[in-house]
N, C-alpha and C. Protein backbone atom coordinates (compact mmCIF):
# COMPACT_ATOMS: atom_id res chain seq x y z
N MET A 1 0.85 -1.18 0.00
CA MET A 1 0.00 0.00 0.00
C MET A 1 0.89 1.24 0.00
N LYS A 2 0.67 2.13 -0.95
CA LYS A 2 1.47 3.36 -1.03
C LYS A 2 0.98 4.36 0.02
N LYS A 3 1.96 4.97 0.68
CA LYS A 3 1.66 5.77 1.86
C LYS A 3 2.26 7.16 1.75
N ALA A 4 1.49 8.16 2.21
CA ALA A 4 1.96 9.55 2.25
C ALA A 4 1.95 10.05 3.69
N LEU A 5 2.79 11.03 3.94
CA LEU A 5 2.83 11.75 5.21
C LEU A 5 2.49 13.20 4.93
N ILE A 6 1.49 13.72 5.65
CA ILE A 6 1.17 15.14 5.57
C ILE A 6 1.33 15.72 6.97
N ILE A 7 2.20 16.73 7.08
CA ILE A 7 2.35 17.46 8.34
C ILE A 7 1.93 18.90 8.08
N THR A 8 0.95 19.35 8.86
CA THR A 8 0.38 20.67 8.63
C THR A 8 1.02 21.76 9.47
N ASP A 9 1.43 22.81 8.82
CA ASP A 9 1.63 24.15 9.38
C ASP A 9 2.60 24.27 10.56
N ILE A 10 3.71 23.58 10.51
CA ILE A 10 4.74 23.76 11.55
C ILE A 10 5.57 24.97 11.11
N GLN A 11 5.12 26.14 11.54
CA GLN A 11 5.72 27.38 11.11
C GLN A 11 5.93 28.31 12.30
N SER A 12 6.89 29.20 12.17
CA SER A 12 7.39 29.97 13.31
C SER A 12 6.32 30.76 14.05
N GLU A 13 5.40 31.38 13.35
CA GLU A 13 4.43 32.23 14.04
C GLU A 13 3.38 31.45 14.83
N PHE A 14 3.34 30.13 14.68
CA PHE A 14 2.36 29.33 15.41
C PHE A 14 2.92 28.66 16.65
N LEU A 15 4.21 28.72 16.86
CA LEU A 15 4.80 27.92 17.92
C LEU A 15 4.38 28.39 19.31
N GLY A 16 4.87 29.50 19.81
CA GLY A 16 4.48 29.95 21.15
C GLY A 16 4.49 28.82 22.16
N ASN A 17 3.30 28.48 22.69
CA ASN A 17 3.22 27.40 23.66
C ASN A 17 3.33 26.02 23.02
N MET A 18 3.54 25.98 21.71
CA MET A 18 3.68 24.70 21.01
C MET A 18 5.09 24.50 20.47
N ASP A 19 6.08 25.20 21.01
CA ASP A 19 7.42 25.15 20.45
C ASP A 19 8.06 23.76 20.52
N TYR A 20 7.55 22.89 21.37
CA TYR A 20 8.06 21.52 21.48
C TYR A 20 7.79 20.69 20.23
N ILE A 21 6.76 21.04 19.44
CA ILE A 21 6.34 20.18 18.34
C ILE A 21 7.30 20.24 17.16
N TYR A 22 7.94 21.36 16.94
CA TYR A 22 8.86 21.48 15.80
C TYR A 22 9.99 20.45 15.86
N PRO A 23 10.78 20.36 16.94
CA PRO A 23 11.87 19.38 16.93
C PRO A 23 11.37 17.93 16.88
N ILE A 24 10.21 17.67 17.44
CA ILE A 24 9.65 16.31 17.39
C ILE A 24 9.31 15.94 15.95
N CYS A 25 8.65 16.84 15.24
CA CYS A 25 8.29 16.58 13.85
C CYS A 25 9.53 16.49 12.96
N GLN A 26 10.50 17.37 13.19
CA GLN A 26 11.72 17.33 12.37
C GLN A 26 12.47 16.03 12.59
N LYS A 27 12.55 15.59 13.83
CA LYS A 27 13.22 14.31 14.12
C LYS A 27 12.51 13.16 13.42
N TYR A 28 11.18 13.15 13.46
CA TYR A 28 10.43 12.10 12.78
C TYR A 28 10.71 12.13 11.27
N LEU A 29 10.71 13.31 10.69
CA LEU A 29 11.02 13.43 9.26
C LEU A 29 12.42 12.91 8.95
N ASP A 30 13.39 13.29 9.79
CA ASP A 30 14.78 12.85 9.58
C ASP A 30 14.90 11.33 9.66
N GLU A 31 14.18 10.73 10.61
CA GLU A 31 14.31 9.29 10.84
C GLU A 31 13.39 8.45 9.96
N ARG A 32 12.21 8.97 9.60
CA ARG A 32 11.20 8.13 8.94
C ARG A 32 10.69 8.70 7.62
N GLY A 33 11.09 9.91 7.27
CA GLY A 33 10.56 10.53 6.05
C GLY A 33 10.75 9.71 4.80
N ASN A 34 11.88 9.03 4.68
CA ASN A 34 12.15 8.23 3.49
C ASN A 34 11.33 6.96 3.42
N ASP A 35 10.62 6.61 4.50
CA ASP A 35 9.74 5.43 4.50
C ASP A 35 8.46 5.67 3.73
N TYR A 36 8.18 6.93 3.40
CA TYR A 36 6.94 7.30 2.73
C TYR A 36 7.15 7.46 1.23
N ASP A 37 6.11 7.16 0.47
CA ASP A 37 6.15 7.35 -0.98
C ASP A 37 5.99 8.83 -1.34
N LEU A 38 5.40 9.60 -0.43
CA LEU A 38 5.18 11.02 -0.66
C LEU A 38 5.16 11.72 0.70
N VAL A 39 5.85 12.85 0.78
CA VAL A 39 5.85 13.68 1.99
C VAL A 39 5.37 15.07 1.58
N ILE A 40 4.35 15.55 2.29
CA ILE A 40 3.80 16.89 2.02
C ILE A 40 3.85 17.69 3.32
N LEU A 41 4.43 18.88 3.22
CA LEU A 41 4.45 19.82 4.34
C LEU A 41 3.61 21.01 3.93
N THR A 42 2.62 21.36 4.75
CA THR A 42 1.79 22.51 4.37
C THR A 42 2.26 23.76 5.09
N HIS A 43 2.08 24.87 4.43
CA HIS A 43 2.43 26.20 4.95
C HIS A 43 1.20 27.07 4.80
N TRP A 44 0.58 27.36 5.94
CA TRP A 44 -0.64 28.18 5.91
C TRP A 44 -0.25 29.63 5.69
N LYS A 45 -0.75 30.18 4.59
CA LYS A 45 -0.50 31.57 4.26
C LYS A 45 -1.66 32.42 4.74
N HIS A 46 -1.33 33.51 5.40
CA HIS A 46 -2.33 34.43 5.92
C HIS A 46 -1.79 35.85 5.79
N GLU A 47 -2.58 36.81 6.15
CA GLU A 47 -2.25 38.22 5.96
C GLU A 47 -0.87 38.60 6.52
N ASP A 48 -0.51 38.07 7.68
CA ASP A 48 0.74 38.48 8.33
C ASP A 48 1.99 37.80 7.76
N ASN A 49 1.85 36.71 7.01
CA ASN A 49 3.05 36.03 6.50
C ASN A 49 3.02 35.87 4.99
N GLU A 50 2.21 36.63 4.31
CA GLU A 50 1.99 36.45 2.88
C GLU A 50 3.29 36.41 2.07
N ASN A 51 4.27 37.23 2.40
CA ASN A 51 5.50 37.29 1.63
C ASN A 51 6.70 36.69 2.36
N GLU A 52 6.43 35.84 3.34
CA GLU A 52 7.51 35.25 4.12
C GLU A 52 7.44 33.73 4.06
N ASN A 53 8.60 33.12 4.23
CA ASN A 53 8.65 31.67 4.39
C ASN A 53 8.85 31.39 5.88
N THR A 54 7.77 31.08 6.56
CA THR A 54 7.85 30.82 8.00
C THR A 54 7.79 29.33 8.32
N LEU A 55 7.76 28.49 7.30
CA LEU A 55 7.75 27.05 7.50
C LEU A 55 9.07 26.60 8.10
N LEU A 56 9.02 25.76 9.11
CA LEU A 56 10.24 25.34 9.81
C LEU A 56 10.76 23.98 9.37
N LEU A 57 9.90 23.06 8.99
CA LEU A 57 10.32 21.70 8.66
C LEU A 57 10.97 21.63 7.29
N LYS A 58 11.89 20.65 7.19
CA LYS A 58 12.58 20.41 5.92
C LYS A 58 12.80 18.91 5.76
N HIS A 59 12.69 18.47 4.52
CA HIS A 59 13.05 17.09 4.19
C HIS A 59 13.32 17.04 2.69
N GLY A 60 14.32 16.27 2.30
CA GLY A 60 14.74 16.22 0.91
C GLY A 60 13.67 15.81 -0.08
N LYS A 61 12.75 14.95 0.32
CA LYS A 61 11.73 14.51 -0.63
C LYS A 61 10.37 15.18 -0.39
N ALA A 62 10.34 16.19 0.47
CA ALA A 62 9.07 16.85 0.79
C ALA A 62 8.64 17.82 -0.29
N THR A 63 7.35 17.86 -0.52
CA THR A 63 6.73 18.87 -1.35
C THR A 63 6.05 19.85 -0.41
N VAL A 64 6.37 21.12 -0.54
CA VAL A 64 5.75 22.16 0.29
C VAL A 64 4.55 22.72 -0.48
N VAL A 65 3.42 22.74 0.21
CA VAL A 65 2.18 23.22 -0.39
C VAL A 65 1.64 24.37 0.45
N GLU A 66 1.38 25.50 -0.20
CA GLU A 66 0.76 26.62 0.50
C GLU A 66 -0.75 26.44 0.50
N LYS A 67 -1.36 26.75 1.65
CA LYS A 67 -2.82 26.66 1.75
C LYS A 67 -3.33 27.92 2.44
N ARG A 68 -4.60 28.18 2.27
CA ARG A 68 -5.20 29.38 2.83
C ARG A 68 -6.42 29.08 3.71
N GLY A 69 -6.68 27.82 3.96
CA GLY A 69 -7.77 27.40 4.83
C GLY A 69 -7.28 26.33 5.79
N TYR A 70 -8.20 25.77 6.54
CA TYR A 70 -7.81 24.77 7.53
C TYR A 70 -7.33 23.47 6.90
N SER A 71 -8.10 22.91 5.99
CA SER A 71 -7.78 21.60 5.46
C SER A 71 -6.57 21.64 4.52
N ALA A 72 -5.73 20.62 4.64
CA ALA A 72 -4.61 20.46 3.72
C ALA A 72 -5.04 19.73 2.45
N TYR A 73 -6.25 19.21 2.43
CA TYR A 73 -6.72 18.50 1.24
C TYR A 73 -7.30 19.52 0.25
N ILE A 74 -6.37 20.18 -0.42
CA ILE A 74 -6.69 21.18 -1.44
C ILE A 74 -6.40 20.55 -2.80
N PRO A 75 -6.81 21.18 -3.90
CA PRO A 75 -6.61 20.56 -5.22
C PRO A 75 -5.17 20.13 -5.50
N GLU A 76 -4.19 20.92 -5.11
CA GLU A 76 -2.78 20.55 -5.36
C GLU A 76 -2.41 19.26 -4.61
N VAL A 77 -2.87 19.12 -3.39
CA VAL A 77 -2.60 17.92 -2.60
C VAL A 77 -3.36 16.73 -3.18
N ALA A 78 -4.61 16.94 -3.57
CA ALA A 78 -5.39 15.86 -4.17
C ALA A 78 -4.68 15.31 -5.41
N LYS A 79 -4.13 16.20 -6.23
CA LYS A 79 -3.41 15.78 -7.44
C LYS A 79 -2.14 15.01 -7.07
N LEU A 80 -1.39 15.50 -6.09
CA LEU A 80 -0.18 14.79 -5.66
C LEU A 80 -0.50 13.38 -5.17
N LEU A 81 -1.55 13.26 -4.37
CA LEU A 81 -1.94 11.94 -3.86
C LEU A 81 -2.37 11.02 -5.00
N GLU A 82 -3.14 11.55 -5.92
CA GLU A 82 -3.60 10.75 -7.05
C GLU A 82 -2.44 10.36 -7.97
N ASP A 83 -1.59 11.33 -8.32
CA ASP A 83 -0.46 11.05 -9.22
C ASP A 83 0.49 10.02 -8.64
N ASN A 84 0.62 9.99 -7.31
CA ASN A 84 1.52 9.04 -6.65
C ASN A 84 0.82 7.75 -6.22
N LYS A 85 -0.45 7.61 -6.60
CA LYS A 85 -1.24 6.41 -6.31
C LYS A 85 -1.26 6.06 -4.82
N ILE A 86 -1.41 7.10 -4.00
CA ILE A 86 -1.42 6.94 -2.55
C ILE A 86 -2.75 6.33 -2.11
N GLU A 87 -2.67 5.39 -1.16
CA GLU A 87 -3.88 4.78 -0.60
C GLU A 87 -4.05 5.13 0.88
N MET A 88 -2.94 5.32 1.59
CA MET A 88 -2.99 5.62 3.01
C MET A 88 -2.24 6.92 3.29
N VAL A 89 -2.80 7.72 4.21
CA VAL A 89 -2.17 8.99 4.57
C VAL A 89 -1.98 9.03 6.08
N HIS A 90 -0.76 9.32 6.50
CA HIS A 90 -0.46 9.60 7.90
C HIS A 90 -0.51 11.11 8.09
N LEU A 91 -1.14 11.55 9.19
CA LEU A 91 -1.30 12.97 9.47
C LEU A 91 -0.67 13.36 10.80
N GLY A 92 -0.10 14.56 10.83
CA GLY A 92 0.39 15.17 12.05
C GLY A 92 0.45 16.67 11.84
N GLY A 93 0.78 17.40 12.90
CA GLY A 93 0.99 18.84 12.76
C GLY A 93 0.17 19.69 13.70
N ILE A 94 0.13 20.95 13.36
CA ILE A 94 -0.63 21.98 14.07
C ILE A 94 -1.83 22.29 13.19
N ASP A 95 -2.85 22.43 13.62
CA ASP A 95 -3.59 22.43 14.83
C ASP A 95 -4.47 21.18 14.82
N SER A 96 -4.29 20.32 15.82
CA SER A 96 -5.00 19.03 15.80
C SER A 96 -6.51 19.20 15.75
N ASP A 97 -7.03 20.21 16.41
CA ASP A 97 -8.48 20.39 16.47
C ASP A 97 -9.04 21.17 15.29
N MET A 98 -8.20 21.70 14.45
CA MET A 98 -8.68 22.45 13.28
C MET A 98 -8.09 21.87 11.99
N ALA A 99 -6.83 22.18 11.69
CA ALA A 99 -6.24 21.80 10.40
C ALA A 99 -6.13 20.29 10.24
N VAL A 100 -5.63 19.61 11.26
CA VAL A 100 -5.45 18.15 11.13
C VAL A 100 -6.81 17.46 11.03
N MET A 101 -7.74 17.86 11.88
CA MET A 101 -9.06 17.22 11.85
C MET A 101 -9.80 17.53 10.55
N ALA A 102 -9.73 18.76 10.06
CA ALA A 102 -10.38 19.10 8.79
C ALA A 102 -9.78 18.27 7.65
N THR A 103 -8.47 18.12 7.66
CA THR A 103 -7.80 17.31 6.64
C THR A 103 -8.23 15.86 6.74
N MET A 104 -8.30 15.34 7.97
CA MET A 104 -8.72 13.95 8.18
C MET A 104 -10.09 13.70 7.56
N TYR A 105 -11.05 14.56 7.87
CA TYR A 105 -12.40 14.38 7.34
C TYR A 105 -12.42 14.47 5.81
N ASN A 106 -11.69 15.43 5.24
CA ASN A 106 -11.67 15.56 3.78
C ASN A 106 -11.03 14.35 3.11
N LEU A 107 -9.96 13.83 3.70
CA LEU A 107 -9.32 12.63 3.14
C LEU A 107 -10.24 11.42 3.23
N LEU A 108 -10.94 11.27 4.34
CA LEU A 108 -11.89 10.17 4.48
C LEU A 108 -12.99 10.28 3.42
N ASP A 109 -13.52 11.49 3.24
CA ASP A 109 -14.56 11.70 2.22
C ASP A 109 -14.05 11.36 0.83
N ALA A 110 -12.75 11.57 0.59
CA ALA A 110 -12.16 11.29 -0.73
C ALA A 110 -11.78 9.82 -0.90
N GLY A 111 -11.97 9.01 0.16
CA GLY A 111 -11.73 7.58 0.05
C GLY A 111 -10.38 7.07 0.50
N TYR A 112 -9.60 7.91 1.15
CA TYR A 112 -8.28 7.49 1.62
C TYR A 112 -8.39 6.82 2.99
N LYS A 113 -7.49 5.89 3.24
CA LYS A 113 -7.31 5.34 4.58
C LYS A 113 -6.44 6.35 5.32
N VAL A 114 -6.84 6.73 6.53
CA VAL A 114 -6.14 7.77 7.27
C VAL A 114 -5.70 7.23 8.62
N GLN A 115 -4.46 7.53 8.98
CA GLN A 115 -3.94 7.23 10.30
C GLN A 115 -3.31 8.50 10.87
N ILE A 116 -3.51 8.70 12.15
CA ILE A 116 -3.01 9.88 12.85
C ILE A 116 -1.74 9.51 13.60
N LEU A 117 -0.72 10.34 13.49
CA LEU A 117 0.51 10.16 14.27
C LEU A 117 0.36 11.00 15.54
N GLU A 118 -0.17 10.37 16.57
CA GLU A 118 -0.59 11.06 17.78
C GLU A 118 0.47 11.95 18.38
N ARG A 119 1.70 11.51 18.38
CA ARG A 119 2.76 12.29 19.03
C ARG A 119 3.31 13.40 18.16
N LEU A 120 2.77 13.53 16.95
CA LEU A 120 3.16 14.64 16.08
C LEU A 120 2.03 15.67 15.98
N LEU A 121 1.17 15.69 16.98
CA LEU A 121 0.05 16.63 17.00
C LEU A 121 0.25 17.69 18.06
N SER A 122 -0.26 18.87 17.78
CA SER A 122 -0.28 19.93 18.77
C SER A 122 -1.50 20.80 18.51
N SER A 123 -1.92 21.51 19.56
CA SER A 123 -3.11 22.35 19.44
C SER A 123 -2.89 23.69 20.13
N TYR A 124 -3.08 24.75 19.39
CA TYR A 124 -2.96 26.09 19.94
C TYR A 124 -3.96 26.31 21.07
N SER A 125 -5.13 25.74 20.93
CA SER A 125 -6.19 25.92 21.93
C SER A 125 -6.02 24.99 23.13
N THR A 126 -4.98 24.18 23.12
CA THR A 126 -4.73 23.15 24.13
C THR A 126 -5.83 22.10 24.15
N ARG A 127 -6.44 21.84 23.03
CA ARG A 127 -7.50 20.84 22.91
C ARG A 127 -6.99 19.56 22.24
N ASN A 128 -5.71 19.28 22.35
CA ASN A 128 -5.13 18.11 21.71
C ASN A 128 -5.76 16.82 22.20
N TRP A 129 -5.94 16.69 23.49
CA TRP A 129 -6.52 15.46 24.04
C TRP A 129 -7.93 15.24 23.49
N GLU A 130 -8.75 16.30 23.48
CA GLU A 130 -10.11 16.18 22.99
C GLU A 130 -10.14 15.83 21.50
N SER A 131 -9.30 16.48 20.71
CA SER A 131 -9.31 16.20 19.28
C SER A 131 -8.82 14.78 19.00
N THR A 132 -7.83 14.33 19.75
CA THR A 132 -7.36 12.95 19.58
C THR A 132 -8.44 11.96 19.96
N THR A 133 -9.22 12.28 20.98
CA THR A 133 -10.33 11.40 21.38
C THR A 133 -11.35 11.29 20.25
N ILE A 134 -11.66 12.41 19.61
CA ILE A 134 -12.59 12.39 18.47
C ILE A 134 -12.00 11.57 17.32
N MET A 135 -10.70 11.77 17.04
CA MET A 135 -10.06 11.02 15.96
C MET A 135 -10.12 9.52 16.24
N ARG A 136 -9.90 9.12 17.49
CA ARG A 136 -10.01 7.70 17.86
C ARG A 136 -11.42 7.17 17.62
N PHE A 137 -12.42 7.97 17.96
CA PHE A 137 -13.80 7.58 17.76
C PHE A 137 -14.10 7.40 16.27
N VAL A 138 -13.65 8.35 15.45
CA VAL A 138 -13.93 8.33 14.02
C VAL A 138 -13.14 7.23 13.30
N LEU A 139 -11.85 7.14 13.60
CA LEU A 139 -10.96 6.24 12.86
C LEU A 139 -10.79 4.87 13.50
N GLY A 140 -11.03 4.77 14.81
CA GLY A 140 -10.74 3.55 15.56
C GLY A 140 -9.37 3.66 16.19
N ASP A 141 -9.23 3.09 17.37
CA ASP A 141 -7.96 3.14 18.10
C ASP A 141 -6.77 2.69 17.27
N GLU A 142 -6.98 1.69 16.43
CA GLU A 142 -5.88 1.13 15.65
C GLU A 142 -5.34 2.10 14.61
N ASN A 143 -6.05 3.18 14.35
CA ASN A 143 -5.60 4.16 13.35
C ASN A 143 -5.11 5.47 13.95
N VAL A 144 -4.95 5.50 15.27
CA VAL A 144 -4.28 6.60 15.95
C VAL A 144 -3.02 6.01 16.53
N LEU A 145 -1.92 6.24 15.84
CA LEU A 145 -0.66 5.56 16.11
C LEU A 145 0.17 6.31 17.14
N ASP A 146 0.74 5.57 18.05
CA ASP A 146 1.59 6.14 19.11
C ASP A 146 3.02 6.20 18.59
N LEU A 147 3.23 7.05 17.58
CA LEU A 147 4.53 7.16 16.91
C LEU A 147 4.99 8.61 16.91
N GLY A 148 6.30 8.80 16.88
CA GLY A 148 6.81 10.10 16.55
C GLY A 148 7.55 10.87 17.62
N GLY A 149 7.55 10.44 18.85
CA GLY A 149 8.28 11.22 19.85
C GLY A 149 7.60 11.15 21.20
N MET A 150 7.87 12.15 22.01
CA MET A 150 7.28 12.15 23.34
C MET A 150 5.82 12.58 23.30
N ARG A 151 5.08 12.33 24.36
CA ARG A 151 3.65 12.67 24.43
C ARG A 151 3.47 14.18 24.28
N THR A 152 2.45 14.58 23.54
CA THR A 152 2.26 16.00 23.26
C THR A 152 0.88 16.49 23.66
N TRP A 153 0.24 15.84 24.57
CA TRP A 153 -1.09 16.32 24.99
C TRP A 153 -0.95 17.54 25.87
N LEU A 154 -1.28 18.67 25.34
CA LEU A 154 -1.28 19.92 26.11
C LEU A 154 -2.63 20.57 25.99
């Protein structure tokens, strides 16, 4: 089964109380990024960063996609997944209760198998535990993977 990794919006202006998530995600990319058939890093563009590159993560095989809404499942990402014949998508990033969850639902609607990398999640609102609980309910415990680093429930 061909597998993709999508990590949403690990960018400098979002860190604040979530600064722990950047090194955890980068370490996972360094150690496991090459295990994926496709790696997508999203960079949320908004009024304050329109002309800046505030994305922090890097990986040699990553495709960086700019988005302007919560979900990472935008036409460019849909095409990348289709062109690479992806069947399963692993998700992580900021904001678990908004961007990651919106992406999860859109991918499910599009027919993809989705798994969440629990330890690569963070939430600005500190609702990580609640959003992970919802993801477990929707996807099943077996699809919320305890991978990626130290516990990040804040």
